[in-house]
Each structure stands twice: as C-alpha cells, then as structure tokens.
Amino acid sequence: MNLIPIYTEDKKAHKYTIYVDIHTNYTYRIDHSSDMNQTGYWISFFAILAFMRSLQEISYTFSSLGKTIVVIAVILVGIILGSLVYKKMIPKKIREIYLTQTMIEDYIQRGRKLIKQDIWIAVISLIIFLFLIFLFLVTSSFVLLTFAQFSFILFIAFMQRLPKERFALYKKSSQLSDQND
C-alpha cells in the first residue's frame, strides 16, 4: 500500500486523515485519537529537562573531524528516528472508505492547504536544524546539538508526508479542474 495523505480534518471533536492509495485508487480514513497519556507526558517532560540539565554540565572539546563525525551521526540517527516517528504517527487502525471520484477530487482540492502547511513545517525545521548545527560547530554545545537532532527528526517525519507521488496527484487534480472550468 502506497498511501498518500490528501486531506486532514483537525477539529476538536473529529480528527482524521484521508489517504488514497495511488495504485489502486482505494481511499482510507485514519482517525486520530485525542487521548493523551498525561502521566507519560509529564514523566517524559521532566526526564528531558533532567537530561538537558546534565548535558550543560558536560565539559568536552572536539576536533574539526570529531565535530564532523558527530554531525554525520546526528543526520543518520535523525533519518532513522524521523522515519520511525512518521510510521508511529500513522495508527495501525486504518479503515477503507468508499468515496466517488468527485468526492476524492473535492478532498484533494480542500487538502491543498495541508500540503502547504507540511512544506512550511519541513522547511522551517530544516532551517532551524542548519542554524543549530552551525551554532554547535562554533560552540560545541550538546544542548544545541540535542535541539538540532529534534528539529531534524521533525524535518524527516514531515518529508515522509511529501512523496513525489503526492505532488503528482495534486498536479493531476489541478489539470482536471482546469479542464472542467
């Protein structure tokens, strides 16, 4: 299955994403639960704070080669973790929905805002990553490196939502709507 997100509804009561399989033209809906484990959230929050605090106390020096190796490691780990994060974002409970071609085209048109938002988030997270990596190379701060890692993971996760097939789908939809007008 090669699922392409075409529309996301993000209202308080109903959160879901509609995907289309471009090979079969079947459509699927994934409901996003708003249930958040508050205990897990707060434990994670304080664990990250403690981790960041401990990073500030570490004293180290890197050679230029050492910094280069660290940056390459951050990129490789970011690619792996970003892909895993994206796969975790898609729940296992996926159900097929039956939409007409007209309804699919309507969702694609309404979902254009979603692709712009995904592109902006990816670009901004990449810019933040590059800026933080530059600062790391200047200051050797592990805190900056950690934030750069999180930013790169976010970038990779959003790049997973932007396959070339998605752009082709939107382009094809644009051409069809132009012909109908």
Foldseek 3Di string as FASTA:
>chain_A
DDWAWQAFDDDPPWTKTKTADVVVRWIKIATDDPDDDPVVVVVVVVVVVVVLVVLVPDDDDDDPVRLVVLVVVLLVVLLVLLVVVLVVRGDPDMDTDDDDPVVSLVSNVVRPVVLVVLVVLLVVLVVLLVVLSVVCSVVVRVSSVVSSSVSSSSNNNSVSNPDVVSVVVSVVSVVVVVVVD
